[in-house]
Protein backbone atom coordinates (compact mmCIF):
# COMPACT_ATOMS: atom_id res chain seq x y z
CA UNK A 1 65.67 39.47 97.22
CA UNK A 2 62.61 38.51 96.05
CA UNK A 3 62.40 36.20 93.01
CA UNK A 4 60.96 36.91 89.60
CA UNK A 5 58.96 34.01 90.23
CA UNK A 6 57.16 35.53 92.39
CA UNK A 7 55.83 37.81 90.36
CA UNK A 8 55.41 36.08 87.72
CA UNK A 9 50.97 35.43 88.25
CA UNK A 10 50.57 39.70 89.16
CA UNK A 11 52.67 40.51 85.26
CA UNK A 12 50.52 37.46 83.64
CA UNK A 13 47.46 39.43 84.35
CA UNK A 14 49.07 42.49 82.99
CA UNK A 15 49.80 41.54 79.88
CA UNK A 16 46.59 38.63 78.44
CA UNK A 17 44.51 41.82 78.04
CA UNK A 18 47.45 43.21 75.16
CA UNK A 19 48.53 39.44 73.90
CA UNK A 20 44.70 39.42 73.05
CA UNK A 21 43.89 42.05 72.21
CA UNK A 22 47.00 41.33 69.48
CA UNK A 23 45.12 38.08 68.37
CA UNK A 24 41.63 39.44 68.17
CA UNK A 25 42.79 42.23 65.91
CA UNK A 26 41.72 41.25 62.89
CA UNK A 27 45.01 42.23 60.72
CA UNK A 28 43.81 41.40 56.83
CA UNK A 29 41.23 44.33 57.50
CA UNK A 30 42.88 46.24 59.93
CA UNK A 31 40.32 49.79 58.83
CA UNK A 32 39.46 53.07 60.40
CA UNK A 33 35.89 53.19 61.29
CA UNK A 34 33.78 56.58 60.02
CA UNK A 35 34.44 59.33 61.91
CA UNK A 36 37.47 57.58 63.09
CA UNK A 37 40.40 60.13 62.06
CA UNK A 38 38.23 62.25 63.08
CA UNK A 39 38.19 62.00 66.38
CA UNK A 40 41.86 61.18 66.49
CA UNK A 41 42.35 64.59 65.17
CA UNK A 42 40.47 66.42 68.32
CA UNK A 43 41.94 64.03 70.74
CA UNK A 44 45.52 64.67 69.76
CA UNK A 45 44.46 68.18 68.77
CA UNK A 46 42.99 69.69 71.18
CA UNK A 47 44.55 67.66 74.35
CA UNK A 48 47.63 69.84 72.81
CA UNK A 49 46.33 73.12 73.85
CA UNK A 50 45.13 71.92 77.68
CA UNK A 51 47.85 70.28 77.72
CA UNK A 52 50.25 73.53 78.79
CA UNK A 53 47.07 75.22 80.55
CA UNK A 54 47.48 71.68 83.15
CA UNK A 55 51.32 73.11 83.56
CA UNK A 56 50.91 76.72 83.90
CA UNK A 57 48.28 75.75 86.80
CA UNK A 58 49.58 72.81 88.29
CA UNK A 59 53.20 74.22 88.72
CA UNK A 60 52.47 77.43 91.11
CA UNK A 61 49.86 75.45 92.87
CA UNK A 62 52.36 72.27 93.56
CA UNK A 63 55.03 74.41 94.64
CA UNK A 64 53.45 76.51 96.88
CA UNK A 65 52.31 72.86 97.74
CA UNK A 66 55.64 71.26 98.85
CA UNK A 67 56.78 74.86 100.42
CA UNK A 68 54.10 76.78 102.59
CA UNK A 69 53.87 77.15 106.32
CA UNK A 70 50.66 78.08 105.66
CA UNK A 71 47.76 77.09 107.66
CA UNK A 72 45.66 77.25 104.74
CA UNK A 73 47.63 74.31 103.51
CA UNK A 74 44.68 71.35 104.28
CA UNK A 75 42.26 73.25 103.04
CA UNK A 76 43.87 73.81 99.71
CA UNK A 77 45.42 69.99 99.85
CA UNK A 78 41.22 69.28 99.82
CA UNK A 79 40.53 71.31 97.32
CA UNK A 80 42.78 69.72 95.03
CA UNK A 81 41.75 66.22 96.12
CA UNK A 82 38.12 66.88 96.51
CA UNK A 83 38.19 66.58 91.80
CA UNK A 84 40.32 63.46 91.96
CA UNK A 85 38.10 61.65 94.47
CA UNK A 86 34.87 62.79 92.80
CA UNK A 87 34.27 59.34 90.15
CA UNK A 88 34.62 61.35 86.54
CA UNK A 89 30.15 61.06 85.63
CA UNK A 90 30.22 62.59 88.80
CA UNK A 91 32.49 65.62 88.21
CA UNK A 92 31.13 65.46 83.89
CA UNK A 93 27.36 67.31 85.83
CA UNK A 94 28.90 69.14 88.06
CA UNK A 95 30.83 70.54 85.05
CA UNK A 96 27.27 71.50 82.97
CA UNK A 97 25.28 72.39 86.24
CA UNK A 98 27.68 75.63 86.35
CA UNK A 99 28.81 75.33 82.92
CA UNK A 100 26.14 75.01 81.10
CA UNK A 101 23.97 77.44 79.56
CA UNK A 102 21.22 77.37 82.44
CA UNK A 103 24.35 76.62 85.19
CA UNK A 104 25.31 79.08 87.33
CA UNK A 105 29.22 80.24 84.74
CA UNK A 106 27.53 79.53 81.90
CA UNK A 107 23.94 82.05 82.11
CA UNK A 108 26.35 85.00 82.65
CA UNK A 109 28.84 83.58 79.91
CA UNK A 110 26.09 83.02 77.36
CA UNK A 111 24.84 86.83 78.42
CA UNK A 112 28.29 87.51 76.17
CA UNK A 113 27.93 85.38 73.69
CA UNK A 114 30.91 82.53 74.57
CA UNK A 115 29.43 78.68 75.01
CA UNK A 116 30.85 76.47 76.96
CA UNK A 117 29.00 73.13 76.05
CA UNK A 118 29.42 70.10 72.97
CA UNK A 119 32.59 72.85 71.83
CA UNK A 120 36.40 72.73 71.34
CA UNK A 121 36.59 74.81 74.34
CA UNK A 122 33.68 72.78 76.47
CA UNK A 123 36.29 69.70 75.63
CA UNK A 124 39.64 71.05 76.58
CA UNK A 125 38.00 72.53 80.27
CA UNK A 126 36.77 69.16 80.80
CA UNK A 127 40.59 67.36 80.30
CA UNK A 128 41.97 70.43 82.45
CA UNK A 129 38.67 69.09 85.37
CA UNK A 130 39.71 65.37 84.59
CA UNK A 131 44.28 66.11 84.64
CA UNK A 132 44.82 68.73 86.89
CA UNK A 133 44.57 67.64 90.48
CA UNK A 134 46.72 64.84 89.63
CA UNK A 135 49.24 66.71 87.37
CA UNK A 136 49.47 68.87 90.50
CA UNK A 137 49.54 65.64 93.20
CA UNK A 138 52.75 64.44 90.65
CA UNK A 139 54.47 68.13 90.93
CA UNK A 140 54.31 68.41 94.88
CA UNK A 141 55.96 65.67 95.61
CA UNK A 142 58.76 66.33 92.81
CA UNK A 143 59.24 69.28 94.45
CA UNK A 144 59.31 68.23 98.03
CA UNK A 145 61.81 66.23 97.19
CA UNK A 146 64.25 69.44 96.38
CA UNK A 147 66.37 69.46 99.27
CA UNK A 148 65.81 72.44 101.22
CA UNK A 149 69.45 72.96 101.78
CA UNK A 150 69.49 73.74 97.86
CA UNK A 151 67.45 76.80 97.58
CA UNK A 152 69.22 78.58 101.03
CA UNK A 153 72.47 77.59 99.32
CA UNK A 154 71.14 79.76 95.81
CA UNK A 155 69.72 82.37 97.96
CA UNK A 156 73.12 82.92 99.86
CA UNK A 157 74.56 83.21 96.78
CA UNK A 158 71.89 86.14 95.76
CA UNK A 159 70.18 84.01 93.15
CA UNK A 160 66.96 85.50 92.31
CA UNK A 161 63.97 83.08 92.96
CA UNK A 162 63.22 83.27 89.23
CA UNK A 163 67.73 81.99 88.62
CA UNK A 164 66.42 79.10 91.63
CA UNK A 165 63.51 78.10 90.02
CA UNK A 166 64.45 77.31 86.78
CA UNK A 167 68.63 76.25 87.41
CA UNK A 168 68.06 74.58 90.38
CA UNK A 169 64.47 72.96 91.78
CA UNK A 170 62.58 72.45 88.30
CA UNK A 171 66.07 71.01 86.74
CA UNK A 172 66.64 69.00 90.55
CA UNK A 173 62.27 67.86 89.87
CA UNK A 174 62.34 67.01 86.61
CA UNK A 175 61.91 63.17 87.04
CA UNK A 176 58.66 63.69 89.21
CA UNK A 177 57.55 66.16 87.24
CA UNK A 178 57.85 64.27 83.87
CA UNK A 179 56.05 61.05 85.83
CA UNK A 180 53.93 64.44 86.17
CA UNK A 181 53.53 64.95 83.33
CA UNK A 182 53.25 60.97 81.64
CA UNK A 183 50.62 60.67 84.11
CA UNK A 184 48.42 64.16 82.55
CA UNK A 185 49.23 62.76 79.04
CA UNK A 186 47.70 59.81 79.17
CA UNK A 187 44.74 60.96 81.25
CA UNK A 188 44.21 64.17 78.72
CA UNK A 189 43.47 61.28 75.77
CA UNK A 190 41.85 58.63 77.89
CA UNK A 191 39.21 61.21 78.98
CA UNK A 192 36.25 59.67 79.39
CA UNK A 193 33.23 60.17 81.73
CA UNK A 194 33.67 63.94 82.26
CA UNK A 195 33.58 64.52 77.66
CA UNK A 196 30.25 62.29 77.56
CA UNK A 197 28.30 64.90 80.07
CA UNK A 198 29.83 67.73 79.43
CA UNK A 199 31.72 67.21 75.95
CA UNK A 200 29.71 65.13 73.53
CA UNK A 201 31.07 66.74 70.56
CA UNK A 202 33.26 66.79 69.36
CA UNK A 203 33.67 63.78 69.39
CA UNK A 204 37.60 61.93 70.63
CA UNK A 205 38.91 59.10 70.72
CA UNK A 206 37.31 57.44 73.81
CA UNK A 207 33.16 59.14 72.94
CA UNK A 208 33.72 56.70 69.62
CA UNK A 209 36.01 54.19 71.06
CA UNK A 210 31.72 53.74 73.11
CA UNK A 211 29.77 54.50 69.76
CA UNK A 212 31.85 52.28 67.74
CA UNK A 213 31.73 49.42 70.57
CA UNK A 214 27.57 50.81 70.82
CA UNK A 215 26.94 50.46 67.48
CA UNK A 216 28.90 47.84 65.63
CA UNK A 217 30.46 45.90 68.30
CA UNK A 218 33.33 44.71 69.62
CA UNK A 219 34.66 43.73 66.45
CA UNK A 220 34.72 46.61 65.46
CA UNK A 221 36.54 49.26 68.06
CA UNK A 222 40.01 47.17 68.00
CA UNK A 223 42.47 49.74 64.82
CA UNK A 224 40.28 52.18 67.37
CA UNK A 225 41.84 51.02 70.06
CA UNK A 226 45.05 50.34 68.53
CA UNK A 227 45.37 53.85 68.20
CA UNK A 228 44.43 55.51 71.03
CA UNK A 229 47.46 52.64 72.22
CA UNK A 230 49.51 53.81 70.42
CA UNK A 231 48.61 57.10 70.76
CA UNK A 232 48.83 57.58 74.11
CA UNK A 233 51.53 55.13 75.51
CA UNK A 234 55.61 55.97 73.47
CA UNK A 235 55.16 59.01 75.70
CA UNK A 236 54.93 58.10 79.06
CA UNK A 237 56.87 54.78 78.60
CA UNK A 238 59.87 57.35 77.03
CA UNK A 239 59.24 59.55 80.50
CA UNK A 240 59.95 56.15 82.08
CA UNK A 241 62.45 55.12 81.13
CA UNK A 242 64.20 58.57 80.70
CA UNK A 243 64.15 58.42 84.65
CA UNK A 244 64.95 54.61 84.61
CA UNK A 245 68.44 55.84 82.98
CA UNK A 246 68.63 59.35 85.64
CA UNK A 247 68.52 57.22 88.65
CA UNK A 248 71.54 54.80 87.39
CA UNK A 249 73.20 57.84 86.28
CA UNK A 250 72.57 59.22 89.26
CA UNK A 251 71.42 57.74 92.00
CA UNK A 252 70.67 60.59 94.87
CA UNK A 253 68.57 62.57 92.47
CA UNK A 254 64.96 62.02 92.48
């Protein structure tokens, strides 16, 4: 059993930035700069659109990757991993090349009167590209943790595929799916590199933080930084706490 004292250096290293944030925040003059509230609205509103899209696209793909014996599986996994491993700035440039006004897809869309540059649709698209691979990999691990025997028992009892998925697979995989959802929430709210290149407007919280930092220095960003942390952290922390309780109540459930 490892002593807690051995873990203290790592814990202290992780805690120092947040302790410093508490001490350097100008609490008496705590206020948001012009346009900050709009960035909060943009991030929260469009993330609420992105998350359902990511779930609807990600769960079928993750389930197929977890259950398929197809020889194409390794290639599909590679296609999922490549966007995950691609640096965000590079991914933003690729999206401009594809969906921008002169891109291969963007040119065709512009002829139909559809634009995917510097608007809400582009913002959502950037969030989906930046987050979907993370959710898929987490969801796949969750589905791989579901015992095949349980699903086979459902088939033996005559349950349909939908009932097996909704009554057995999804509930058993819920801990892993919650982890994926928590990661997805943090990713969509905090996406910066792809959004900065592909969709500078409308400005979400990360881009507005960067602008404030560039224009007015680090002392001007602490209030909005607190809003970003308050926006992103509670939901993942709640998910992780629920997973911990579930693990104690049902040790054999993954």
